[in-house]
Amino acid sequence: MFDALRQRVPLHVMARDAALIALAVATLLWARSQQLSDSGWAWPSAGLAALLLALAGYLIHEWGHLCGALISRASVILPPGINQAFLFRWDSDRNNRRQFFWMASGGFVASGLTVVAYLMVLDTAFLADRLALTLTALGVLATLIIEVPEFLGVARGGPIPNGAAFVAADADQAAAASAPGERSR
């Protein structure tokens, strides 16, 4: 799987997300030190750390989706740059239900592991940690509201979704033609 990631995922996207996660951890440590020293920066740093940790949780969730997609050899469209809203786009026409379930489950597993890790590592004695847990819980709730109904709909025989990160093969070809450097697998 890691070979597939190296071959199919732009390193600049991987580097961007690793840097954001490292920044989240560094900001958390800074926020904790601000709280311990009764600094005027305690609240702002806690808010920033919580936002960055929630973003890190989202990124890990999206990488879980991509890992699930790659494990199932699904067709995905990768971003040409680091400023894209989605880590990848899912080709609804080329992929089958089994691949959809792998892709969707990868995100669910990644979110679950992130929550467990946060519960083990974060210390509720710190404001930043409490805020991060709250924002992460809201992110998981959003996942339950947005993604679980789609998953269950497909499990009950409904179509694989279209729209947002889900694109049709024709849209894939049009996007590839209009965005040099974009790859489809």
N, C-alpha and C. Protein backbone atom coordinates (compact mmCIF):
# COMPACT_ATOMS: atom_id res chain seq x y z
N MET A 1 0.82 -1.18 0.00
CA MET A 1 0.00 0.00 0.00
C MET A 1 0.87 1.26 0.00
N PHE A 2 1.96 1.28 0.77
CA PHE A 2 2.78 2.48 0.84
C PHE A 2 3.47 2.74 -0.49
N ASP A 3 3.84 1.67 -1.22
CA ASP A 3 4.39 1.87 -2.56
C ASP A 3 3.36 2.53 -3.46
N ALA A 4 2.12 2.07 -3.37
CA ALA A 4 1.05 2.65 -4.18
C ALA A 4 0.88 4.13 -3.84
N LEU A 5 0.96 4.47 -2.55
CA LEU A 5 0.86 5.87 -2.16
C LEU A 5 1.99 6.70 -2.75
N ARG A 6 3.21 6.20 -2.66
CA ARG A 6 4.35 6.94 -3.19
C ARG A 6 4.24 7.14 -4.68
N GLN A 7 3.74 6.15 -5.39
CA GLN A 7 3.66 6.23 -6.84
C GLN A 7 2.48 7.07 -7.31
N ARG A 8 1.41 7.14 -6.52
CA ARG A 8 0.18 7.74 -7.01
C ARG A 8 -0.21 9.05 -6.34
N VAL A 9 0.43 9.41 -5.27
CA VAL A 9 0.07 10.63 -4.57
C VAL A 9 1.20 11.64 -4.73
N PRO A 10 0.85 12.83 -5.17
CA PRO A 10 1.89 13.86 -5.31
C PRO A 10 2.57 14.12 -3.97
N LEU A 11 3.88 14.09 -3.98
CA LEU A 11 4.62 14.31 -2.73
C LEU A 11 4.36 15.68 -2.14
N HIS A 12 4.08 16.67 -2.99
CA HIS A 12 3.83 18.01 -2.45
C HIS A 12 2.54 18.05 -1.61
N VAL A 13 1.56 17.22 -1.94
CA VAL A 13 0.34 17.16 -1.14
C VAL A 13 0.62 16.45 0.18
N MET A 14 1.40 15.37 0.10
CA MET A 14 1.77 14.65 1.31
C MET A 14 2.58 15.56 2.24
N ALA A 15 3.51 16.32 1.67
CA ALA A 15 4.34 17.23 2.46
C ALA A 15 3.49 18.34 3.08
N ARG A 16 2.54 18.87 2.32
CA ARG A 16 1.65 19.91 2.85
C ARG A 16 0.90 19.42 4.07
N ASP A 17 0.31 18.23 3.97
CA ASP A 17 -0.50 17.71 5.06
C ASP A 17 0.35 17.32 6.26
N ALA A 18 1.53 16.78 6.02
CA ALA A 18 2.44 16.46 7.12
C ALA A 18 2.87 17.74 7.84
N ALA A 19 3.12 18.80 7.08
CA ALA A 19 3.50 20.09 7.67
C ALA A 19 2.36 20.67 8.50
N LEU A 20 1.13 20.56 8.01
CA LEU A 20 -0.02 21.07 8.76
C LEU A 20 -0.23 20.30 10.06
N ILE A 21 -0.03 18.99 10.01
CA ILE A 21 -0.18 18.18 11.22
C ILE A 21 0.93 18.52 12.22
N ALA A 22 2.15 18.69 11.73
CA ALA A 22 3.26 19.08 12.60
C ALA A 22 3.01 20.46 13.21
N LEU A 23 2.46 21.38 12.42
CA LEU A 23 2.13 22.71 12.93
C LEU A 23 1.06 22.61 14.01
N ALA A 24 0.09 21.72 13.84
CA ALA A 24 -0.96 21.53 14.85
C ALA A 24 -0.36 21.07 16.17
N VAL A 25 0.56 20.12 16.11
CA VAL A 25 1.20 19.60 17.33
C VAL A 25 2.05 20.70 17.98
N ALA A 26 2.81 21.42 17.19
CA ALA A 26 3.65 22.50 17.73
C ALA A 26 2.78 23.58 18.37
N THR A 27 1.68 23.91 17.73
CA THR A 27 0.78 24.94 18.27
C THR A 27 0.12 24.46 19.56
N LEU A 28 -0.21 23.18 19.62
CA LEU A 28 -0.76 22.62 20.86
C LEU A 28 0.24 22.77 22.01
N LEU A 29 1.49 22.43 21.76
CA LEU A 29 2.51 22.55 22.80
C LEU A 29 2.69 24.00 23.22
N TRP A 30 2.65 24.91 22.26
CA TRP A 30 2.76 26.34 22.56
C TRP A 30 1.56 26.79 23.39
N ALA A 31 0.36 26.35 23.01
CA ALA A 31 -0.85 26.74 23.74
C ALA A 31 -0.80 26.24 25.19
N ARG A 32 -0.32 25.03 25.36
CA ARG A 32 -0.21 24.50 26.72
C ARG A 32 0.76 25.36 27.55
N SER A 33 1.88 25.73 26.95
CA SER A 33 2.86 26.55 27.68
C SER A 33 2.28 27.92 28.01
N GLN A 34 1.46 28.47 27.12
CA GLN A 34 0.83 29.77 27.38
C GLN A 34 -0.15 29.68 28.54
N GLN A 35 -0.88 28.57 28.62
CA GLN A 35 -1.82 28.39 29.73
C GLN A 35 -1.07 28.22 31.04
N LEU A 36 0.01 27.45 31.03
CA LEU A 36 0.78 27.21 32.26
C LEU A 36 1.44 28.48 32.78
N SER A 37 1.78 29.38 31.88
CA SER A 37 2.43 30.62 32.31
C SER A 37 1.44 31.77 32.51
N ASP A 38 0.14 31.48 32.43
CA ASP A 38 -0.91 32.50 32.59
C ASP A 38 -0.73 33.67 31.62
N SER A 39 -0.30 33.36 30.43
CA SER A 39 -0.06 34.38 29.41
C SER A 39 -1.39 34.90 28.86
N GLY A 40 -1.36 36.11 28.37
CA GLY A 40 -2.52 36.67 27.68
C GLY A 40 -2.80 35.96 26.37
N TRP A 41 -1.84 35.18 25.92
CA TRP A 41 -2.00 34.41 24.68
C TRP A 41 -2.64 33.04 24.92
N ALA A 42 -3.00 32.72 26.14
CA ALA A 42 -3.54 31.39 26.45
C ALA A 42 -4.80 31.09 25.65
N TRP A 43 -5.77 32.01 25.65
CA TRP A 43 -7.02 31.76 24.92
C TRP A 43 -6.82 31.75 23.41
N PRO A 44 -6.16 32.76 22.84
CA PRO A 44 -5.98 32.73 21.38
C PRO A 44 -5.17 31.52 20.90
N SER A 45 -4.13 31.18 21.65
CA SER A 45 -3.31 30.03 21.23
C SER A 45 -4.09 28.73 21.37
N ALA A 46 -4.95 28.63 22.38
CA ALA A 46 -5.77 27.44 22.56
C ALA A 46 -6.76 27.30 21.40
N GLY A 47 -7.38 28.40 21.01
CA GLY A 47 -8.30 28.37 19.88
C GLY A 47 -7.61 27.97 18.59
N LEU A 48 -6.43 28.54 18.35
CA LEU A 48 -5.67 28.20 17.15
C LEU A 48 -5.25 26.73 17.16
N ALA A 49 -4.77 26.26 18.29
CA ALA A 49 -4.35 24.86 18.39
C ALA A 49 -5.54 23.92 18.14
N ALA A 50 -6.69 24.27 18.71
CA ALA A 50 -7.88 23.43 18.54
C ALA A 50 -8.30 23.38 17.07
N LEU A 51 -8.29 24.53 16.42
CA LEU A 51 -8.64 24.56 14.99
C LEU A 51 -7.67 23.73 14.16
N LEU A 52 -6.38 23.85 14.46
CA LEU A 52 -5.38 23.09 13.69
C LEU A 52 -5.49 21.59 13.96
N LEU A 53 -5.78 21.21 15.21
CA LEU A 53 -5.96 19.78 15.50
C LEU A 53 -7.21 19.23 14.85
N ALA A 54 -8.27 20.01 14.78
CA ALA A 54 -9.47 19.57 14.06
C ALA A 54 -9.16 19.44 12.57
N LEU A 55 -8.40 20.38 12.02
CA LEU A 55 -7.98 20.27 10.62
C LEU A 55 -7.12 19.03 10.41
N ALA A 56 -6.23 18.75 11.34
CA ALA A 56 -5.40 17.54 11.25
C ALA A 56 -6.28 16.29 11.23
N GLY A 57 -7.31 16.27 12.07
CA GLY A 57 -8.24 15.14 12.08
C GLY A 57 -8.95 14.99 10.74
N TYR A 58 -9.35 16.10 10.15
CA TYR A 58 -9.99 16.07 8.83
C TYR A 58 -9.03 15.53 7.78
N LEU A 59 -7.79 16.00 7.81
CA LEU A 59 -6.79 15.53 6.83
C LEU A 59 -6.55 14.03 6.98
N ILE A 60 -6.45 13.56 8.20
CA ILE A 60 -6.25 12.13 8.44
C ILE A 60 -7.45 11.35 7.91
N HIS A 61 -8.64 11.87 8.12
CA HIS A 61 -9.86 11.25 7.60
C HIS A 61 -9.79 11.13 6.07
N GLU A 62 -9.40 12.20 5.42
CA GLU A 62 -9.33 12.19 3.95
C GLU A 62 -8.24 11.24 3.45
N TRP A 63 -7.11 11.18 4.14
CA TRP A 63 -6.07 10.23 3.76
C TRP A 63 -6.56 8.80 3.97
N GLY A 64 -7.39 8.58 4.98
CA GLY A 64 -8.00 7.26 5.17
C GLY A 64 -8.86 6.89 3.98
N HIS A 65 -9.65 7.85 3.49
CA HIS A 65 -10.45 7.59 2.28
C HIS A 65 -9.55 7.22 1.11
N LEU A 66 -8.48 7.99 0.93
CA LEU A 66 -7.58 7.73 -0.21
C LEU A 66 -6.90 6.37 -0.06
N CYS A 67 -6.47 6.03 1.13
CA CYS A 67 -5.85 4.71 1.34
C CYS A 67 -6.84 3.59 1.01
N GLY A 68 -8.09 3.74 1.44
CA GLY A 68 -9.11 2.75 1.11
C GLY A 68 -9.32 2.64 -0.39
N ALA A 69 -9.33 3.78 -1.06
CA ALA A 69 -9.49 3.79 -2.52
C ALA A 69 -8.31 3.10 -3.20
N LEU A 70 -7.11 3.40 -2.74
CA LEU A 70 -5.92 2.80 -3.36
C LEU A 70 -5.83 1.31 -3.08
N ILE A 71 -6.21 0.88 -1.90
CA ILE A 71 -6.20 -0.55 -1.58
C ILE A 71 -7.11 -1.31 -2.52
N SER A 72 -8.25 -0.70 -2.85
CA SER A 72 -9.22 -1.37 -3.73
C SER A 72 -8.94 -1.13 -5.21
N ARG A 73 -7.85 -0.44 -5.51
CA ARG A 73 -7.46 -0.11 -6.89
C ARG A 73 -8.53 0.71 -7.60
N ALA A 74 -9.12 1.62 -6.88
CA ALA A 74 -10.17 2.48 -7.44
C ALA A 74 -9.56 3.55 -8.33
N SER A 75 -10.38 4.09 -9.19
CA SER A 75 -9.99 5.19 -10.05
C SER A 75 -10.23 6.49 -9.30
N VAL A 76 -9.17 7.25 -9.07
CA VAL A 76 -9.27 8.54 -8.40
C VAL A 76 -8.53 9.58 -9.22
N ILE A 77 -8.93 10.82 -9.05
CA ILE A 77 -8.30 11.94 -9.73
C ILE A 77 -7.57 12.74 -8.67
N LEU A 78 -6.27 12.83 -8.82
CA LEU A 78 -5.44 13.50 -7.82
C LEU A 78 -5.28 14.98 -8.16
N PRO A 79 -5.07 15.81 -7.16
CA PRO A 79 -4.97 17.26 -7.40
C PRO A 79 -3.63 17.63 -8.03
N PRO A 80 -3.65 18.65 -8.90
CA PRO A 80 -2.40 19.10 -9.50
C PRO A 80 -1.57 19.96 -8.56
N GLY A 81 -2.20 20.56 -7.56
CA GLY A 81 -1.49 21.45 -6.66
C GLY A 81 -1.92 21.24 -5.22
N ILE A 82 -1.43 22.10 -4.34
CA ILE A 82 -1.71 21.93 -2.92
C ILE A 82 -2.91 22.74 -2.44
N ASN A 83 -3.52 23.53 -3.32
CA ASN A 83 -4.61 24.40 -2.88
C ASN A 83 -5.99 23.87 -3.26
N GLN A 84 -6.11 22.58 -3.51
CA GLN A 84 -7.40 21.99 -3.86
C GLN A 84 -8.22 21.71 -2.61
N ALA A 85 -9.54 21.79 -2.75
CA ALA A 85 -10.43 21.55 -1.61
C ALA A 85 -10.44 20.08 -1.21
N PHE A 86 -10.30 19.19 -2.18
CA PHE A 86 -10.36 17.76 -1.91
C PHE A 86 -9.00 17.12 -2.14
N LEU A 87 -8.68 16.13 -1.33
CA LEU A 87 -7.43 15.39 -1.49
C LEU A 87 -7.44 14.62 -2.81
N PHE A 88 -8.62 14.16 -3.20
CA PHE A 88 -8.79 13.47 -4.48
C PHE A 88 -10.25 13.53 -4.86
N ARG A 89 -10.52 13.21 -6.09
CA ARG A 89 -11.91 13.09 -6.54
C ARG A 89 -12.17 11.63 -6.91
N TRP A 90 -13.34 11.17 -6.59
CA TRP A 90 -13.76 9.78 -6.78
C TRP A 90 -14.48 9.67 -8.11
N ASP A 91 -14.08 8.73 -8.95
CA ASP A 91 -14.71 8.53 -10.25
C ASP A 91 -15.91 7.61 -10.10
N SER A 92 -17.10 8.21 -10.02
CA SER A 92 -18.33 7.44 -9.77
C SER A 92 -18.67 6.47 -10.89
N ASP A 93 -18.27 6.78 -12.12
CA ASP A 93 -18.60 5.91 -13.25
C ASP A 93 -17.66 4.71 -13.37
N ARG A 94 -16.41 4.88 -13.04
CA ARG A 94 -15.42 3.81 -13.23
C ARG A 94 -15.30 2.87 -12.04
N ASN A 95 -15.72 3.32 -10.87
CA ASN A 95 -15.54 2.50 -9.67
C ASN A 95 -16.82 1.73 -9.34
N ASN A 96 -16.63 0.59 -8.68
CA ASN A 96 -17.78 -0.25 -8.33
C ASN A 96 -18.10 -0.11 -6.84
N ARG A 97 -19.11 -0.80 -6.41
CA ARG A 97 -19.57 -0.73 -5.02
C ARG A 97 -18.50 -1.19 -4.03
N ARG A 98 -17.83 -2.29 -4.35
CA ARG A 98 -16.79 -2.80 -3.46
C ARG A 98 -15.73 -1.72 -3.24
N GLN A 99 -15.32 -1.05 -4.31
CA GLN A 99 -14.32 0.00 -4.20
C GLN A 99 -14.87 1.18 -3.39
N PHE A 100 -16.13 1.52 -3.58
CA PHE A 100 -16.76 2.59 -2.80
C PHE A 100 -16.72 2.26 -1.31
N PHE A 101 -17.07 1.02 -0.97
CA PHE A 101 -17.08 0.64 0.45
C PHE A 101 -15.68 0.69 1.05
N TRP A 102 -14.67 0.27 0.30
CA TRP A 102 -13.29 0.38 0.77
C TRP A 102 -12.92 1.84 1.00
N MET A 103 -13.22 2.68 0.01
CA MET A 103 -12.88 4.09 0.11
C MET A 103 -13.59 4.73 1.31
N ALA A 104 -14.89 4.51 1.42
CA ALA A 104 -15.66 5.11 2.51
C ALA A 104 -15.17 4.59 3.87
N SER A 105 -14.97 3.30 3.96
CA SER A 105 -14.54 2.69 5.22
C SER A 105 -13.17 3.19 5.65
N GLY A 106 -12.30 3.46 4.70
CA GLY A 106 -10.98 4.00 5.05
C GLY A 106 -11.08 5.29 5.83
N GLY A 107 -12.01 6.17 5.42
CA GLY A 107 -12.20 7.43 6.15
C GLY A 107 -12.78 7.21 7.53
N PHE A 108 -13.73 6.26 7.64
CA PHE A 108 -14.33 5.98 8.93
C PHE A 108 -13.29 5.43 9.91
N VAL A 109 -12.47 4.50 9.42
CA VAL A 109 -11.42 3.90 10.26
C VAL A 109 -10.42 4.97 10.70
N ALA A 110 -10.00 5.81 9.76
CA ALA A 110 -9.03 6.87 10.08
C ALA A 110 -9.60 7.82 11.14
N SER A 111 -10.87 8.17 11.00
CA SER A 111 -11.49 9.05 11.99
C SER A 111 -11.55 8.38 13.36
N GLY A 112 -11.92 7.12 13.37
CA GLY A 112 -11.98 6.39 14.64
C GLY A 112 -10.62 6.32 15.32
N LEU A 113 -9.58 6.04 14.53
CA LEU A 113 -8.23 5.97 15.10
C LEU A 113 -7.77 7.34 15.59
N THR A 114 -8.15 8.40 14.88
CA THR A 114 -7.79 9.76 15.30
C THR A 114 -8.45 10.09 16.64
N VAL A 115 -9.73 9.77 16.77
CA VAL A 115 -10.43 10.03 18.03
C VAL A 115 -9.77 9.27 19.17
N VAL A 116 -9.46 8.00 18.95
CA VAL A 116 -8.80 7.20 19.99
C VAL A 116 -7.45 7.83 20.36
N ALA A 117 -6.67 8.21 19.35
CA ALA A 117 -5.36 8.83 19.62
C ALA A 117 -5.53 10.14 20.39
N TYR A 118 -6.48 10.97 19.99
CA TYR A 118 -6.70 12.23 20.69
C TYR A 118 -7.12 11.98 22.14
N LEU A 119 -7.99 11.00 22.35
CA LEU A 119 -8.42 10.71 23.72
C LEU A 119 -7.26 10.21 24.58
N MET A 120 -6.31 9.52 23.96
CA MET A 120 -5.16 9.00 24.70
C MET A 120 -4.11 10.08 24.96
N VAL A 121 -3.96 11.03 24.04
CA VAL A 121 -2.85 11.99 24.10
C VAL A 121 -3.27 13.34 24.68
N LEU A 122 -4.45 13.78 24.37
CA LEU A 122 -4.86 15.10 24.83
C LEU A 122 -5.22 15.07 26.31
N ASP A 123 -4.91 16.16 26.98
CA ASP A 123 -5.10 16.29 28.43
C ASP A 123 -6.15 17.37 28.68
N THR A 124 -7.28 16.97 29.22
CA THR A 124 -8.38 17.92 29.40
C THR A 124 -8.09 18.99 30.46
N ALA A 125 -6.95 18.92 31.11
CA ALA A 125 -6.56 20.00 32.01
C ALA A 125 -6.20 21.26 31.21
N PHE A 126 -5.97 21.10 29.91
CA PHE A 126 -5.60 22.22 29.06
C PHE A 126 -6.79 22.64 28.19
N LEU A 127 -6.99 23.93 28.09
CA LEU A 127 -8.08 24.48 27.29
C LEU A 127 -7.95 24.06 25.83
N ALA A 128 -6.77 24.15 25.28
CA ALA A 128 -6.58 23.78 23.87
C ALA A 128 -7.00 22.34 23.60
N ASP A 129 -6.67 21.47 24.51
CA ASP A 129 -7.01 20.06 24.35
C ASP A 129 -8.52 19.84 24.42
N ARG A 130 -9.17 20.53 25.38
CA ARG A 130 -10.63 20.41 25.48
C ARG A 130 -11.32 20.95 24.23
N LEU A 131 -10.85 22.09 23.75
CA LEU A 131 -11.43 22.66 22.53
C LEU A 131 -11.18 21.75 21.33
N ALA A 132 -9.99 21.18 21.25
CA ALA A 132 -9.67 20.28 20.14
C ALA A 132 -10.57 19.05 20.15
N LEU A 133 -10.80 18.50 21.34
CA LEU A 133 -11.71 17.34 21.45
C LEU A 133 -13.13 17.72 21.04
N THR A 134 -13.57 18.91 21.42
CA THR A 134 -14.91 19.37 21.07
C THR A 134 -15.04 19.55 19.56
N LEU A 135 -14.07 20.23 18.95
CA LEU A 135 -14.12 20.45 17.50
C LEU A 135 -14.00 19.12 16.74
N THR A 136 -13.19 18.22 17.23
CA THR A 136 -13.05 16.91 16.59
C THR A 136 -14.35 16.13 16.69
N ALA A 137 -15.00 16.21 17.84
CA ALA A 137 -16.30 15.54 18.00
C ALA A 137 -17.32 16.12 17.02
N LEU A 138 -17.31 17.43 16.84
CA LEU A 138 -18.21 18.05 15.86
C LEU A 138 -17.89 17.59 14.44
N GLY A 139 -16.60 17.42 14.14
CA GLY A 139 -16.19 16.90 12.83
C GLY A 139 -16.67 15.48 12.61
N VAL A 140 -16.57 14.67 13.64
CA VAL A 140 -17.06 13.28 13.54
C VAL A 140 -18.58 13.28 13.38
N LEU A 141 -19.26 14.17 14.09
CA LEU A 141 -20.72 14.28 13.93
C LEU A 141 -21.08 14.69 12.50
N ALA A 142 -20.33 15.64 11.95
CA ALA A 142 -20.57 16.04 10.55
C ALA A 142 -20.37 14.86 9.61
N THR A 143 -19.35 14.05 9.87
CA THR A 143 -19.11 12.85 9.06
C THR A 143 -20.30 11.91 9.15
N LEU A 144 -20.81 11.72 10.36
CA LEU A 144 -21.97 10.85 10.54
C LEU A 144 -23.18 11.37 9.77
N ILE A 145 -23.38 12.67 9.79
CA ILE A 145 -24.54 13.27 9.13
C ILE A 145 -24.38 13.26 7.60
N ILE A 146 -23.17 13.52 7.11
CA ILE A 146 -22.96 13.65 5.67
C ILE A 146 -22.63 12.32 5.00
N GLU A 147 -21.70 11.57 5.57
CA GLU A 147 -21.16 10.41 4.87
C GLU A 147 -21.87 9.09 5.17
N VAL A 148 -22.34 8.91 6.39
CA VAL A 148 -22.98 7.63 6.73
C VAL A 148 -24.26 7.40 5.92
N PRO A 149 -25.13 8.41 5.74
CA PRO A 149 -26.31 8.17 4.90
C PRO A 149 -25.96 7.77 3.46
N GLU A 150 -24.91 8.39 2.89
CA GLU A 150 -24.47 8.00 1.54
C GLU A 150 -24.02 6.54 1.54
N PHE A 151 -23.23 6.18 2.53
CA PHE A 151 -22.72 4.81 2.66
C PHE A 151 -23.88 3.82 2.76
N LEU A 152 -24.83 4.12 3.64
CA LEU A 152 -25.98 3.24 3.83
C LEU A 152 -26.86 3.18 2.57
N GLY A 153 -26.98 4.31 1.88
CA GLY A 153 -27.75 4.32 0.64
C GLY A 153 -27.16 3.39 -0.41
N VAL A 154 -25.85 3.42 -0.55
CA VAL A 154 -25.18 2.53 -1.50
C VAL A 154 -25.29 1.09 -1.02
N ALA A 155 -25.17 0.87 0.28
CA ALA A 155 -25.29 -0.49 0.83
C ALA A 155 -26.68 -1.06 0.58
N ARG A 156 -27.67 -0.20 0.52
CA ARG A 156 -29.05 -0.66 0.27
C ARG A 156 -29.37 -0.75 -1.22
N GLY A 157 -28.36 -0.59 -2.08
CA GLY A 157 -28.56 -0.74 -3.52
C GLY A 157 -28.67 0.56 -4.29
N GLY A 158 -28.55 1.69 -3.62
CA GLY A 158 -28.62 2.98 -4.29
C GLY A 158 -27.36 3.24 -5.12
N PRO A 159 -27.40 4.29 -5.91
CA PRO A 159 -26.26 4.61 -6.76
C PRO A 159 -25.08 5.17 -5.95
N ILE A 160 -23.89 5.01 -6.51
CA ILE A 160 -22.72 5.67 -5.93
C ILE A 160 -22.93 7.17 -6.13
N PRO A 161 -22.68 7.99 -5.11
CA PRO A 161 -22.98 9.42 -5.19
C PRO A 161 -22.27 10.13 -6.34
N ASN A 162 -22.83 11.24 -6.76
CA ASN A 162 -22.21 12.16 -7.71
C ASN A 162 -22.26 13.55 -7.11
N GLY A 163 -21.32 14.39 -7.48
CA GLY A 163 -21.26 15.75 -6.97
C GLY A 163 -20.16 15.90 -5.94
N ALA A 164 -19.74 17.13 -5.70
CA ALA A 164 -18.65 17.46 -4.77
C ALA A 164 -17.39 16.68 -5.14
N ALA A 165 -16.96 15.77 -4.27
CA ALA A 165 -15.74 15.00 -4.56
C ALA A 165 -16.01 13.81 -5.45
N PHE A 166 -17.29 13.55 -5.75
CA PHE A 166 -17.67 12.44 -6.61
C PHE A 166 -17.91 12.99 -8.01
N VAL A 167 -17.15 12.49 -8.98
CA VAL A 167 -17.29 12.98 -10.35
C VAL A 167 -17.56 11.81 -11.30
N ALA A 168 -18.17 12.11 -12.42
CA ALA A 168 -18.43 11.10 -13.46
C ALA A 168 -17.23 11.02 -14.39
N ALA A 169 -17.11 9.92 -15.10
CA ALA A 169 -15.98 9.70 -16.01
C ALA A 169 -15.85 10.83 -17.02
N ASP A 170 -16.97 11.32 -17.55
CA ASP A 170 -16.91 12.42 -18.53
C ASP A 170 -16.33 13.67 -17.89
N ALA A 171 -16.72 13.95 -16.67
CA ALA A 171 -16.18 15.10 -15.97
C ALA A 171 -14.70 14.89 -15.69
N ASP A 172 -14.31 13.63 -15.42
CA ASP A 172 -12.91 13.29 -15.19
C ASP A 172 -12.08 13.63 -16.42
N GLN A 173 -12.56 13.24 -17.57
CA GLN A 173 -11.82 13.49 -18.81
C GLN A 173 -11.75 14.98 -19.09
N ALA A 174 -12.84 15.69 -18.86
CA ALA A 174 -12.84 17.13 -19.08
C ALA A 174 -11.88 17.83 -18.12
N ALA A 175 -11.88 17.38 -16.86
CA ALA A 175 -10.98 17.99 -15.87
C ALA A 175 -9.53 17.70 -16.22
N ALA A 176 -9.25 16.48 -16.65
CA ALA A 176 -7.88 16.13 -17.01
C ALA A 176 -7.42 16.94 -18.21
N ALA A 177 -8.31 17.19 -19.15
CA ALA A 177 -7.95 17.96 -20.34
C ALA A 177 -7.71 19.42 -20.00
N SER A 178 -8.44 19.94 -19.00
CA SER A 178 -8.31 21.35 -18.68
C SER A 178 -7.28 21.64 -17.59
N ALA A 179 -6.78 20.61 -16.93
CA ALA A 179 -5.82 20.83 -15.83
C ALA A 179 -4.55 20.04 -16.10
N PRO A 180 -3.55 20.68 -16.71
CA PRO A 180 -2.31 19.98 -16.98
C PRO A 180 -1.67 19.48 -15.71
N GLY A 181 -1.14 18.29 -15.76
CA GLY A 181 -0.47 17.70 -14.62
C GLY A 181 -1.38 16.89 -13.72
N GLU A 182 -2.69 16.94 -13.97
CA GLU A 182 -3.62 16.15 -13.17
C GLU A 182 -3.61 14.72 -13.67
N ARG A 183 -3.57 13.78 -12.74
CA ARG A 183 -3.49 12.37 -13.11
C ARG A 183 -4.72 11.64 -12.66
N SER A 184 -5.10 10.64 -13.40
CA SER A 184 -6.23 9.81 -13.03
C SER A 184 -5.74 8.38 -12.92
N ARG A 185 -6.24 7.67 -11.91
CA ARG A 185 -5.86 6.26 -11.74
C ARG A 185 -7.11 5.47 -11.49
